[in-house]
Amino acid sequence: MIKINDFIENFSDFNLSTVLQPWDIINELDQLLDKKFSDLNDDYEISGDTAIHKTAVIEQNVIFKGRIIIDENAFIGANAYLRGPVYIGKNVKIGPGSEIKQSIIFDDTAVAHFNYIGNSIIGKRINFEAGSICANHYNERKDKKITVLVNDQIIKTNTTKFGSLVGDDSRIGANAVLSPGTILSKESIVKRLELIEQIKPNSQGLV
């Protein structure tokens, strides 16, 4: 079992159950954010399923789809695409042309530009350099259900869509790829162009 508080400082302050596993949180994110909508105050401008803090900066041609909360002093660069459910924390920077899909990105994290983050939980003070990707689906495998590796233990998620859990203060280099089910502890460093694949497929293309 993954204890998310070991990866993300004060995760419980987000008012999500620490009993749920990361992939369960992602799968239930729309309902979880719906509950958070009822707690938002007048500091947010709410239009349909989108709530944007009045201090956030949204550049031109940003597309919002689905349930989205953007917290104070966040920045969303031009031509970004946010496919909800998505939560963007305080002081988060999403660079131009990036796509964020069904994910939580916590405070003070920076996503450079032309990045993709899918079905992931991203901690605090993380830096994603340009072009880095959190992949969320095994296109190339026959068995598409995702497994994760934690403390030498393989855990079945029983889902086909889960990206990464990235611990606080990590650094992801330009054009790096985090394969589906990547679990990174706090202060992890992924080199530029590196592929993280924590569980190798066997010769039949199965996990």
N, C-alpha and C. Protein backbone atom coordinates (compact mmCIF):
# COMPACT_ATOMS: atom_id res chain seq x y z
N MET A 1 0.84 -1.20 0.00
CA MET A 1 0.00 0.00 0.00
C MET A 1 0.88 1.25 0.00
N ILE A 2 0.47 2.23 -0.81
CA ILE A 2 1.23 3.47 -0.92
C ILE A 2 0.66 4.49 0.06
N LYS A 3 1.54 5.08 0.87
CA LYS A 3 1.15 6.16 1.77
C LYS A 3 1.51 7.48 1.08
N ILE A 4 0.50 8.16 0.57
CA ILE A 4 0.77 9.34 -0.26
C ILE A 4 1.45 10.44 0.54
N ASN A 5 1.19 10.50 1.84
CA ASN A 5 1.87 11.51 2.67
C ASN A 5 3.38 11.33 2.69
N ASP A 6 3.86 10.13 2.35
CA ASP A 6 5.31 9.91 2.27
C ASP A 6 5.90 10.56 1.01
N PHE A 7 5.05 10.88 0.06
CA PHE A 7 5.49 11.44 -1.21
C PHE A 7 5.21 12.94 -1.31
N ILE A 8 4.09 13.37 -0.71
CA ILE A 8 3.64 14.75 -0.87
C ILE A 8 3.36 15.34 0.51
N GLU A 9 4.10 16.39 0.83
CA GLU A 9 3.98 17.06 2.13
C GLU A 9 2.56 17.53 2.37
N ASN A 10 2.02 17.19 3.54
CA ASN A 10 0.69 17.65 3.95
C ASN A 10 -0.39 17.31 2.93
N PHE A 11 -0.26 16.16 2.30
CA PHE A 11 -1.26 15.76 1.31
C PHE A 11 -2.66 15.74 1.92
N SER A 12 -2.76 15.35 3.18
CA SER A 12 -4.07 15.25 3.82
C SER A 12 -4.78 16.60 3.92
N ASP A 13 -4.00 17.71 3.83
CA ASP A 13 -4.62 19.04 3.85
C ASP A 13 -5.51 19.27 2.64
N PHE A 14 -5.32 18.48 1.60
CA PHE A 14 -6.12 18.61 0.39
C PHE A 14 -7.52 18.02 0.58
N ASN A 15 -7.74 17.45 1.76
CA ASN A 15 -9.04 16.86 2.12
C ASN A 15 -9.43 15.69 1.22
N LEU A 16 -8.41 14.94 0.82
CA LEU A 16 -8.65 13.68 0.13
C LEU A 16 -8.22 12.55 1.05
N SER A 17 -8.90 11.45 0.96
CA SER A 17 -8.59 10.32 1.82
C SER A 17 -7.19 9.80 1.55
N THR A 18 -6.40 9.67 2.61
CA THR A 18 -5.05 9.10 2.46
C THR A 18 -5.12 7.58 2.41
N VAL A 19 -6.32 7.03 2.58
CA VAL A 19 -6.49 5.58 2.48
C VAL A 19 -6.57 5.16 1.01
N LEU A 20 -7.19 6.03 0.19
CA LEU A 20 -7.28 5.74 -1.23
C LEU A 20 -5.89 5.68 -1.85
N GLN A 21 -5.71 4.77 -2.78
CA GLN A 21 -4.46 4.69 -3.52
C GLN A 21 -4.46 5.73 -4.65
N PRO A 22 -3.26 6.11 -5.12
CA PRO A 22 -3.19 7.20 -6.11
C PRO A 22 -4.10 7.00 -7.31
N TRP A 23 -4.13 5.79 -7.86
CA TRP A 23 -4.95 5.52 -9.05
C TRP A 23 -6.44 5.60 -8.71
N ASP A 24 -6.81 5.25 -7.46
CA ASP A 24 -8.21 5.39 -7.05
C ASP A 24 -8.61 6.86 -6.97
N ILE A 25 -7.70 7.68 -6.44
CA ILE A 25 -7.96 9.13 -6.38
C ILE A 25 -8.16 9.68 -7.79
N ILE A 26 -7.29 9.28 -8.71
CA ILE A 26 -7.41 9.77 -10.09
C ILE A 26 -8.72 9.31 -10.71
N ASN A 27 -9.09 8.05 -10.49
CA ASN A 27 -10.33 7.54 -11.07
C ASN A 27 -11.57 8.21 -10.50
N GLU A 28 -11.48 8.69 -9.26
CA GLU A 28 -12.62 9.34 -8.60
C GLU A 28 -12.48 10.86 -8.56
N LEU A 29 -11.52 11.40 -9.33
CA LEU A 29 -11.18 12.81 -9.19
C LEU A 29 -12.35 13.75 -9.51
N ASP A 30 -13.16 13.40 -10.47
CA ASP A 30 -14.28 14.28 -10.81
C ASP A 30 -15.22 14.47 -9.62
N GLN A 31 -15.55 13.37 -8.94
CA GLN A 31 -16.43 13.47 -7.77
C GLN A 31 -15.73 14.20 -6.62
N LEU A 32 -14.43 13.96 -6.46
CA LEU A 32 -13.69 14.60 -5.38
C LEU A 32 -13.61 16.12 -5.58
N LEU A 33 -13.40 16.54 -6.83
CA LEU A 33 -13.36 17.98 -7.10
C LEU A 33 -14.75 18.61 -6.99
N ASP A 34 -15.77 17.85 -7.32
CA ASP A 34 -17.14 18.34 -7.19
C ASP A 34 -17.41 18.73 -5.73
N LYS A 35 -16.91 17.92 -4.80
CA LYS A 35 -17.08 18.24 -3.37
C LYS A 35 -16.31 19.50 -3.00
N LYS A 36 -15.12 19.69 -3.59
CA LYS A 36 -14.32 20.87 -3.28
C LYS A 36 -14.97 22.15 -3.82
N PHE A 37 -15.73 22.03 -4.90
CA PHE A 37 -16.41 23.19 -5.46
C PHE A 37 -17.29 23.87 -4.41
N SER A 38 -17.95 23.06 -3.58
CA SER A 38 -18.87 23.62 -2.59
C SER A 38 -18.16 24.40 -1.50
N ASP A 39 -16.83 24.22 -1.38
CA ASP A 39 -16.06 24.92 -0.34
C ASP A 39 -15.39 26.19 -0.86
N LEU A 40 -15.50 26.45 -2.16
CA LEU A 40 -14.83 27.61 -2.74
C LEU A 40 -15.54 28.90 -2.33
N ASN A 41 -14.73 29.96 -2.13
CA ASN A 41 -15.30 31.24 -1.70
C ASN A 41 -15.34 32.24 -2.86
N ASP A 42 -15.61 33.48 -2.53
CA ASP A 42 -15.76 34.51 -3.56
C ASP A 42 -14.45 34.90 -4.23
N ASP A 43 -13.34 34.33 -3.79
CA ASP A 43 -12.05 34.61 -4.44
C ASP A 43 -11.93 33.89 -5.78
N TYR A 44 -12.89 33.03 -6.09
CA TYR A 44 -12.86 32.27 -7.33
C TYR A 44 -13.96 32.75 -8.27
N GLU A 45 -13.62 32.82 -9.54
CA GLU A 45 -14.62 33.05 -10.57
C GLU A 45 -15.05 31.69 -11.11
N ILE A 46 -16.33 31.40 -10.95
CA ILE A 46 -16.85 30.09 -11.33
C ILE A 46 -17.75 30.23 -12.55
N SER A 47 -17.43 29.43 -13.56
CA SER A 47 -18.24 29.40 -14.77
C SER A 47 -18.44 27.94 -15.16
N GLY A 48 -19.65 27.45 -14.97
CA GLY A 48 -19.91 26.04 -15.22
C GLY A 48 -19.08 25.17 -14.31
N ASP A 49 -18.25 24.32 -14.90
CA ASP A 49 -17.42 23.39 -14.13
C ASP A 49 -16.01 23.92 -13.89
N THR A 50 -15.77 25.18 -14.25
CA THR A 50 -14.43 25.75 -14.11
C THR A 50 -14.40 26.82 -13.03
N ALA A 51 -13.46 26.69 -12.08
CA ALA A 51 -13.29 27.67 -11.01
C ALA A 51 -11.85 28.18 -11.07
N ILE A 52 -11.68 29.47 -11.27
CA ILE A 52 -10.36 30.08 -11.41
C ILE A 52 -10.19 31.16 -10.36
N HIS A 53 -9.13 31.05 -9.55
CA HIS A 53 -8.87 32.08 -8.54
C HIS A 53 -8.59 33.41 -9.23
N LYS A 54 -9.07 34.48 -8.62
CA LYS A 54 -8.98 35.80 -9.25
C LYS A 54 -7.55 36.29 -9.41
N THR A 55 -6.61 35.68 -8.69
CA THR A 55 -5.20 36.08 -8.83
C THR A 55 -4.47 35.27 -9.89
N ALA A 56 -5.11 34.25 -10.44
CA ALA A 56 -4.47 33.41 -11.45
C ALA A 56 -4.39 34.17 -12.78
N VAL A 57 -3.37 33.83 -13.56
CA VAL A 57 -3.18 34.44 -14.88
C VAL A 57 -3.42 33.37 -15.95
N ILE A 58 -4.36 33.64 -16.85
CA ILE A 58 -4.67 32.73 -17.93
C ILE A 58 -4.38 33.44 -19.25
N GLU A 59 -3.42 32.93 -19.99
CA GLU A 59 -3.07 33.57 -21.27
C GLU A 59 -4.06 33.16 -22.36
N GLN A 60 -3.82 33.65 -23.58
CA GLN A 60 -4.79 33.49 -24.65
C GLN A 60 -4.85 32.06 -25.16
N ASN A 61 -6.05 31.71 -25.64
CA ASN A 61 -6.31 30.44 -26.33
C ASN A 61 -6.13 29.22 -25.45
N VAL A 62 -6.29 29.37 -24.14
CA VAL A 62 -6.29 28.21 -23.25
C VAL A 62 -7.65 27.52 -23.34
N ILE A 63 -7.65 26.19 -23.42
CA ILE A 63 -8.90 25.43 -23.51
C ILE A 63 -9.13 24.69 -22.20
N PHE A 64 -10.32 24.86 -21.64
CA PHE A 64 -10.73 24.13 -20.45
C PHE A 64 -11.87 23.18 -20.82
N LYS A 65 -11.74 21.94 -20.41
CA LYS A 65 -12.78 20.95 -20.69
C LYS A 65 -12.98 20.10 -19.44
N GLY A 66 -14.22 20.01 -18.95
CA GLY A 66 -14.48 19.24 -17.75
C GLY A 66 -14.29 20.06 -16.49
N ARG A 67 -14.31 19.39 -15.34
CA ARG A 67 -14.24 20.06 -14.04
C ARG A 67 -12.80 20.45 -13.72
N ILE A 68 -12.60 21.74 -13.45
CA ILE A 68 -11.25 22.26 -13.26
C ILE A 68 -11.25 23.29 -12.13
N ILE A 69 -10.27 23.20 -11.24
CA ILE A 69 -10.03 24.21 -10.21
C ILE A 69 -8.60 24.71 -10.37
N ILE A 70 -8.46 26.03 -10.48
CA ILE A 70 -7.14 26.66 -10.58
C ILE A 70 -6.97 27.59 -9.39
N ASP A 71 -5.95 27.33 -8.58
CA ASP A 71 -5.79 28.04 -7.31
C ASP A 71 -5.01 29.34 -7.48
N GLU A 72 -4.79 30.02 -6.37
CA GLU A 72 -4.27 31.39 -6.41
C GLU A 72 -2.86 31.46 -6.99
N ASN A 73 -2.64 32.55 -7.73
CA ASN A 73 -1.33 32.89 -8.33
C ASN A 73 -0.82 31.85 -9.31
N ALA A 74 -1.69 30.98 -9.79
CA ALA A 74 -1.28 30.02 -10.83
C ALA A 74 -1.16 30.75 -12.17
N PHE A 75 -0.40 30.16 -13.06
CA PHE A 75 -0.19 30.71 -14.41
C PHE A 75 -0.42 29.61 -15.42
N ILE A 76 -1.29 29.88 -16.39
CA ILE A 76 -1.54 28.93 -17.47
C ILE A 76 -1.16 29.59 -18.78
N GLY A 77 -0.14 29.05 -19.44
CA GLY A 77 0.41 29.67 -20.64
C GLY A 77 -0.47 29.50 -21.87
N ALA A 78 -0.19 30.29 -22.87
CA ALA A 78 -0.98 30.32 -24.10
C ALA A 78 -1.08 28.93 -24.74
N ASN A 79 -2.28 28.64 -25.25
CA ASN A 79 -2.55 27.42 -26.02
C ASN A 79 -2.44 26.13 -25.19
N ALA A 80 -2.45 26.26 -23.87
CA ALA A 80 -2.49 25.05 -23.04
C ALA A 80 -3.89 24.43 -23.13
N TYR A 81 -3.94 23.14 -22.84
CA TYR A 81 -5.20 22.39 -22.92
C TYR A 81 -5.36 21.61 -21.62
N LEU A 82 -6.37 21.96 -20.83
CA LEU A 82 -6.65 21.28 -19.57
C LEU A 82 -7.92 20.46 -19.72
N ARG A 83 -7.75 19.13 -19.65
CA ARG A 83 -8.88 18.21 -19.79
C ARG A 83 -9.24 17.67 -18.42
N GLY A 84 -10.31 18.20 -17.85
CA GLY A 84 -10.68 17.84 -16.51
C GLY A 84 -11.16 16.41 -16.37
N PRO A 85 -11.20 15.96 -15.11
CA PRO A 85 -10.99 16.74 -13.90
C PRO A 85 -9.50 17.08 -13.68
N VAL A 86 -9.25 18.34 -13.35
CA VAL A 86 -7.89 18.81 -13.10
C VAL A 86 -7.90 19.78 -11.93
N TYR A 87 -6.91 19.62 -11.04
CA TYR A 87 -6.67 20.61 -9.99
C TYR A 87 -5.27 21.17 -10.16
N ILE A 88 -5.18 22.51 -10.23
CA ILE A 88 -3.91 23.21 -10.34
C ILE A 88 -3.70 24.01 -9.05
N GLY A 89 -2.62 23.72 -8.32
CA GLY A 89 -2.39 24.32 -7.01
C GLY A 89 -1.85 25.74 -7.05
N LYS A 90 -1.54 26.25 -5.88
CA LYS A 90 -1.05 27.62 -5.73
C LYS A 90 0.33 27.78 -6.38
N ASN A 91 0.48 28.88 -7.09
CA ASN A 91 1.77 29.25 -7.70
C ASN A 91 2.27 28.25 -8.74
N VAL A 92 1.40 27.39 -9.22
CA VAL A 92 1.79 26.44 -10.26
C VAL A 92 1.89 27.17 -11.60
N LYS A 93 2.88 26.79 -12.39
CA LYS A 93 3.06 27.37 -13.73
C LYS A 93 2.93 26.26 -14.77
N ILE A 94 1.97 26.42 -15.66
CA ILE A 94 1.78 25.50 -16.78
C ILE A 94 2.17 26.25 -18.05
N GLY A 95 3.20 25.78 -18.73
CA GLY A 95 3.75 26.51 -19.86
C GLY A 95 2.92 26.39 -21.13
N PRO A 96 3.23 27.21 -22.12
CA PRO A 96 2.50 27.24 -23.38
C PRO A 96 2.47 25.87 -24.07
N GLY A 97 1.31 25.54 -24.63
CA GLY A 97 1.19 24.33 -25.42
C GLY A 97 1.18 23.04 -24.64
N SER A 98 1.12 23.11 -23.32
CA SER A 98 1.10 21.89 -22.51
C SER A 98 -0.32 21.35 -22.39
N GLU A 99 -0.42 20.03 -22.18
CA GLU A 99 -1.72 19.40 -21.97
C GLU A 99 -1.70 18.69 -20.61
N ILE A 100 -2.72 18.98 -19.81
CA ILE A 100 -2.89 18.34 -18.51
C ILE A 100 -4.22 17.62 -18.53
N LYS A 101 -4.21 16.34 -18.24
CA LYS A 101 -5.43 15.55 -18.31
C LYS A 101 -5.64 14.76 -17.00
N GLN A 102 -6.79 14.97 -16.38
CA GLN A 102 -7.23 14.20 -15.20
C GLN A 102 -6.10 14.04 -14.18
N SER A 103 -5.63 15.16 -13.66
CA SER A 103 -4.46 15.15 -12.78
C SER A 103 -4.58 16.18 -11.67
N ILE A 104 -3.76 16.00 -10.65
CA ILE A 104 -3.59 16.96 -9.57
C ILE A 104 -2.14 17.44 -9.62
N ILE A 105 -1.95 18.75 -9.65
CA ILE A 105 -0.61 19.32 -9.61
C ILE A 105 -0.54 20.27 -8.42
N PHE A 106 0.32 19.94 -7.47
CA PHE A 106 0.36 20.67 -6.21
C PHE A 106 1.25 21.92 -6.28
N ASP A 107 1.23 22.67 -5.19
CA ASP A 107 1.77 24.03 -5.12
C ASP A 107 3.23 24.14 -5.58
N ASP A 108 3.50 25.28 -6.25
CA ASP A 108 4.87 25.70 -6.58
C ASP A 108 5.57 24.80 -7.59
N THR A 109 4.81 24.01 -8.31
CA THR A 109 5.37 23.16 -9.36
C THR A 109 5.36 23.91 -10.69
N ALA A 110 6.37 23.66 -11.52
CA ALA A 110 6.46 24.31 -12.82
C ALA A 110 6.51 23.25 -13.92
N VAL A 111 5.65 23.41 -14.90
CA VAL A 111 5.62 22.56 -16.09
C VAL A 111 5.98 23.45 -17.26
N ALA A 112 7.09 23.20 -17.92
CA ALA A 112 7.69 24.17 -18.84
C ALA A 112 6.80 24.48 -20.04
N HIS A 113 6.93 23.76 -21.13
CA HIS A 113 6.08 23.96 -22.30
C HIS A 113 6.13 22.70 -23.17
N PHE A 114 5.03 22.48 -23.87
CA PHE A 114 4.87 21.30 -24.73
C PHE A 114 5.04 20.00 -23.93
N ASN A 115 4.47 20.00 -22.72
CA ASN A 115 4.50 18.81 -21.87
C ASN A 115 3.13 18.13 -21.90
N TYR A 116 3.11 16.84 -21.56
CA TYR A 116 1.86 16.12 -21.36
C TYR A 116 1.91 15.44 -20.00
N ILE A 117 0.88 15.69 -19.19
CA ILE A 117 0.75 15.01 -17.89
C ILE A 117 -0.65 14.41 -17.85
N GLY A 118 -0.71 13.08 -17.83
CA GLY A 118 -1.99 12.40 -17.86
C GLY A 118 -2.23 11.52 -16.65
N ASN A 119 -3.41 11.65 -16.04
CA ASN A 119 -3.86 10.76 -14.95
C ASN A 119 -2.81 10.61 -13.86
N SER A 120 -2.28 11.74 -13.40
CA SER A 120 -1.14 11.73 -12.48
C SER A 120 -1.37 12.59 -11.26
N ILE A 121 -0.60 12.31 -10.21
CA ILE A 121 -0.56 13.15 -9.01
C ILE A 121 0.87 13.68 -8.90
N ILE A 122 1.01 14.99 -9.02
CA ILE A 122 2.31 15.64 -9.06
C ILE A 122 2.47 16.48 -7.79
N GLY A 123 3.56 16.24 -7.05
CA GLY A 123 3.77 16.90 -5.76
C GLY A 123 4.18 18.36 -5.87
N LYS A 124 4.77 18.85 -4.79
CA LYS A 124 5.10 20.27 -4.65
C LYS A 124 6.54 20.55 -5.08
N ARG A 125 6.74 21.75 -5.62
CA ARG A 125 8.08 22.26 -5.95
C ARG A 125 8.82 21.35 -6.95
N ILE A 126 8.06 20.82 -7.89
CA ILE A 126 8.64 19.95 -8.92
C ILE A 126 8.85 20.76 -10.18
N ASN A 127 9.90 20.45 -10.91
CA ASN A 127 10.16 21.13 -12.17
C ASN A 127 10.18 20.11 -13.31
N PHE A 128 9.29 20.32 -14.27
CA PHE A 128 9.27 19.55 -15.51
C PHE A 128 9.89 20.41 -16.60
N GLU A 129 11.01 19.97 -17.15
CA GLU A 129 11.57 20.70 -18.28
C GLU A 129 10.76 20.43 -19.54
N ALA A 130 11.06 21.20 -20.59
CA ALA A 130 10.26 21.17 -21.82
C ALA A 130 10.16 19.78 -22.41
N GLY A 131 8.97 19.44 -22.87
CA GLY A 131 8.75 18.20 -23.60
C GLY A 131 8.67 16.94 -22.77
N SER A 132 8.79 17.04 -21.45
CA SER A 132 8.71 15.83 -20.62
C SER A 132 7.26 15.37 -20.51
N ILE A 133 7.10 14.06 -20.32
CA ILE A 133 5.77 13.45 -20.44
C ILE A 133 5.52 12.47 -19.29
N CYS A 134 4.30 12.53 -18.74
CA CYS A 134 3.80 11.47 -17.86
C CYS A 134 2.78 10.68 -18.67
N ALA A 135 3.21 9.56 -19.25
CA ALA A 135 2.31 8.74 -20.05
C ALA A 135 1.32 8.01 -19.14
N ASN A 136 0.14 7.72 -19.66
CA ASN A 136 -0.92 7.18 -18.80
C ASN A 136 -1.57 5.90 -19.32
N HIS A 137 -1.05 5.35 -20.42
CA HIS A 137 -1.71 4.19 -21.03
C HIS A 137 -0.69 3.38 -21.82
N TYR A 138 -0.78 2.04 -21.70
CA TYR A 138 0.14 1.17 -22.45
C TYR A 138 -0.45 0.83 -23.81
N ASN A 139 -0.07 1.60 -24.80
CA ASN A 139 -0.52 1.34 -26.16
C ASN A 139 0.08 0.06 -26.72
N GLU A 140 1.30 -0.27 -26.30
CA GLU A 140 2.07 -1.32 -26.96
C GLU A 140 1.91 -2.70 -26.31
N ARG A 141 1.23 -2.79 -25.17
CA ARG A 141 1.14 -4.08 -24.48
C ARG A 141 -0.22 -4.73 -24.69
N LYS A 142 -0.24 -6.06 -24.71
CA LYS A 142 -1.50 -6.79 -24.83
C LYS A 142 -2.33 -6.64 -23.56
N ASP A 143 -1.69 -6.82 -22.41
CA ASP A 143 -2.37 -6.60 -21.14
C ASP A 143 -2.14 -5.15 -20.74
N LYS A 144 -3.15 -4.33 -20.82
CA LYS A 144 -2.99 -2.89 -20.62
C LYS A 144 -3.22 -2.45 -19.18
N LYS A 145 -3.55 -3.39 -18.29
CA LYS A 145 -3.70 -3.02 -16.88
C LYS A 145 -2.34 -2.66 -16.29
N ILE A 146 -2.33 -1.60 -15.53
CA ILE A 146 -1.08 -1.00 -15.06
C ILE A 146 -0.71 -1.55 -13.69
N THR A 147 0.56 -1.89 -13.52
CA THR A 147 1.10 -2.26 -12.22
C THR A 147 2.15 -1.23 -11.82
N VAL A 148 2.37 -1.11 -10.50
CA VAL A 148 3.37 -0.17 -10.00
C VAL A 148 4.35 -0.91 -9.11
N LEU A 149 5.52 -0.31 -8.96
CA LEU A 149 6.58 -0.90 -8.14
C LEU A 149 6.90 0.05 -6.99
N VAL A 150 6.71 -0.44 -5.76
CA VAL A 150 6.97 0.37 -4.56
C VAL A 150 7.71 -0.50 -3.54
N ASN A 151 8.92 -0.06 -3.17
CA ASN A 151 9.71 -0.81 -2.18
C ASN A 151 9.85 -2.28 -2.56
N ASP A 152 10.18 -2.52 -3.84
CA ASP A 152 10.37 -3.87 -4.38
C ASP A 152 9.10 -4.71 -4.39
N GLN A 153 7.96 -4.07 -4.17
CA GLN A 153 6.68 -4.77 -4.20
C GLN A 153 5.90 -4.33 -5.44
N ILE A 154 5.40 -5.31 -6.20
CA ILE A 154 4.58 -5.01 -7.37
C ILE A 154 3.11 -4.99 -6.94
N ILE A 155 2.43 -3.89 -7.27
CA ILE A 155 1.03 -3.71 -6.89
C ILE A 155 0.20 -3.57 -8.16
N LYS A 156 -0.86 -4.35 -8.26
CA LYS A 156 -1.77 -4.24 -9.39
C LYS A 156 -2.78 -3.11 -9.12
N THR A 157 -2.92 -2.22 -10.10
CA THR A 157 -3.86 -1.11 -9.95
C THR A 157 -5.26 -1.47 -10.46
N ASN A 158 -5.34 -2.50 -11.29
CA ASN A 158 -6.62 -2.89 -11.91
C ASN A 158 -7.25 -1.76 -12.71
N THR A 159 -6.42 -0.87 -13.23
CA THR A 159 -6.90 0.18 -14.11
C THR A 159 -5.99 0.25 -15.33
N THR A 160 -6.53 0.72 -16.44
CA THR A 160 -5.73 0.87 -17.65
C THR A 160 -5.28 2.30 -17.87
N LYS A 161 -5.66 3.20 -16.97
CA LYS A 161 -5.27 4.61 -17.12
C LYS A 161 -4.73 5.13 -15.79
N PHE A 162 -3.41 5.20 -15.71
CA PHE A 162 -2.75 5.83 -14.57
C PHE A 162 -1.37 6.26 -15.01
N GLY A 163 -1.01 7.48 -14.72
CA GLY A 163 0.29 8.00 -15.11
C GLY A 163 1.34 7.82 -14.03
N SER A 164 1.58 8.88 -13.25
CA SER A 164 2.66 8.86 -12.27
C SER A 164 2.23 9.46 -10.95
N LEU A 165 2.93 9.04 -9.90
CA LEU A 165 2.93 9.73 -8.62
C LEU A 165 4.35 10.25 -8.44
N VAL A 166 4.50 11.57 -8.42
CA VAL A 166 5.82 12.18 -8.35
C VAL A 166 5.96 12.93 -7.03
N GLY A 167 6.94 12.53 -6.23
CA GLY A 167 7.14 13.12 -4.92
C GLY A 167 7.70 14.53 -4.97
N ASP A 168 7.53 15.25 -3.89
CA ASP A 168 7.96 16.64 -3.77
C ASP A 168 9.42 16.84 -4.16
N ASP A 169 9.71 18.02 -4.72
CA ASP A 169 11.08 18.48 -4.99
C ASP A 169 11.83 17.62 -6.01
N SER A 170 11.08 16.94 -6.87
CA SER A 170 11.71 16.15 -7.92
C SER A 170 12.01 17.02 -9.14
N ARG A 171 12.88 16.51 -10.02
CA ARG A 171 13.28 17.23 -11.22
C ARG A 171 13.18 16.27 -12.40
N ILE A 172 12.40 16.67 -13.41
CA ILE A 172 12.20 15.84 -14.59
C ILE A 172 12.81 16.55 -15.79
N GLY A 173 13.80 15.94 -16.43
CA GLY A 173 14.55 16.58 -17.50
C GLY A 173 13.78 16.67 -18.80
N ALA A 174 14.27 17.52 -19.69
CA ALA A 174 13.63 17.76 -20.99
C ALA A 174 13.49 16.46 -21.79
N ASN A 175 12.29 16.28 -22.36
CA ASN A 175 11.98 15.15 -23.23
C ASN A 175 12.10 13.80 -22.55
N ALA A 176 12.10 13.78 -21.22
CA ALA A 176 12.04 12.52 -20.50
C ALA A 176 10.61 11.97 -20.55
N VAL A 177 10.49 10.65 -20.42
CA VAL A 177 9.18 9.99 -20.42
C VAL A 177 9.04 9.14 -19.18
N LEU A 178 8.00 9.40 -18.41
CA LEU A 178 7.64 8.54 -17.28
C LEU A 178 6.57 7.58 -17.77
N SER A 179 6.87 6.30 -17.82
CA SER A 179 5.92 5.31 -18.30
C SER A 179 4.74 5.18 -17.36
N PRO A 180 3.62 4.64 -17.84
CA PRO A 180 2.47 4.45 -16.96
C PRO A 180 2.85 3.68 -15.69
N GLY A 181 2.35 4.16 -14.56
CA GLY A 181 2.62 3.49 -13.29
C GLY A 181 3.94 3.88 -12.65
N THR A 182 4.56 4.97 -13.08
CA THR A 182 5.82 5.41 -12.48
C THR A 182 5.56 5.99 -11.09
N ILE A 183 6.35 5.55 -10.12
CA ILE A 183 6.28 6.06 -8.75
C ILE A 183 7.65 6.63 -8.40
N LEU A 184 7.72 7.93 -8.15
CA LEU A 184 8.99 8.57 -7.83
C LEU A 184 8.94 9.15 -6.42
N SER A 185 9.93 8.80 -5.61
CA SER A 185 10.02 9.32 -4.26
C SER A 185 10.41 10.80 -4.28
N LYS A 186 10.36 11.44 -3.13
CA LYS A 186 10.75 12.84 -3.03
C LYS A 186 12.18 13.03 -3.51
N GLU A 187 12.43 14.18 -4.13
CA GLU A 187 13.76 14.60 -4.59
C GLU A 187 14.34 13.67 -5.65
N SER A 188 13.47 13.03 -6.42
CA SER A 188 13.97 12.20 -7.53
C SER A 188 14.48 13.08 -8.66
N ILE A 189 15.45 12.57 -9.40
CA ILE A 189 15.98 13.27 -10.57
C ILE A 189 15.89 12.33 -11.77
N VAL A 190 15.22 12.81 -12.81
CA VAL A 190 15.14 12.07 -14.06
C VAL A 190 15.91 12.87 -15.10
N LYS A 191 16.88 12.22 -15.73
CA LYS A 191 17.76 12.91 -16.68
C LYS A 191 17.02 13.25 -17.97
N ARG A 192 17.57 14.21 -18.70
CA ARG A 192 17.02 14.56 -20.00
C ARG A 192 17.04 13.34 -20.93
N LEU A 193 15.95 13.14 -21.66
CA LEU A 193 15.77 12.04 -22.62
C LEU A 193 15.66 10.67 -21.94
N GLU A 194 15.60 10.61 -20.64
CA GLU A 194 15.54 9.31 -19.95
C GLU A 194 14.13 8.73 -20.02
N LEU A 195 14.06 7.40 -20.16
CA LEU A 195 12.81 6.66 -20.09
C LEU A 195 12.75 5.93 -18.76
N ILE A 196 11.72 6.21 -17.99
CA ILE A 196 11.52 5.50 -16.73
C ILE A 196 10.48 4.41 -16.96
N GLU A 197 10.91 3.17 -16.84
CA GLU A 197 10.01 2.02 -16.99
C GLU A 197 10.34 1.07 -15.84
N GLN A 198 9.57 1.17 -14.77
CA GLN A 198 9.95 0.49 -13.54
C GLN A 198 9.63 -1.00 -13.55
N ILE A 199 8.67 -1.41 -14.37
CA ILE A 199 8.34 -2.83 -14.51
C ILE A 199 8.44 -3.19 -15.98
N LYS A 200 9.34 -4.11 -16.30
CA LYS A 200 9.58 -4.47 -17.69
C LYS A 200 8.54 -5.49 -18.17
N PRO A 201 8.10 -5.38 -19.43
CA PRO A 201 7.21 -6.39 -19.99
C PRO A 201 7.97 -7.67 -20.29
N ASN A 202 7.26 -8.80 -20.29
CA ASN A 202 7.95 -10.04 -20.68
C ASN A 202 7.92 -10.19 -22.19
N SER A 203 8.45 -11.26 -22.67
CA SER A 203 8.63 -11.43 -24.12
C SER A 203 7.31 -11.52 -24.88
N GLN A 204 6.20 -11.82 -24.17
CA GLN A 204 4.91 -11.89 -24.82
C GLN A 204 4.21 -10.52 -24.85
N GLY A 205 4.90 -9.51 -24.34
CA GLY A 205 4.29 -8.20 -24.34
C GLY A 205 3.32 -7.99 -23.21
N LEU A 206 3.38 -8.86 -22.18
CA LEU A 206 2.51 -8.75 -21.03
C LEU A 206 3.27 -8.21 -19.84
N VAL A 207 2.55 -7.65 -18.88
CA VAL A 207 3.20 -7.16 -17.67
C VAL A 207 3.46 -8.34 -16.76
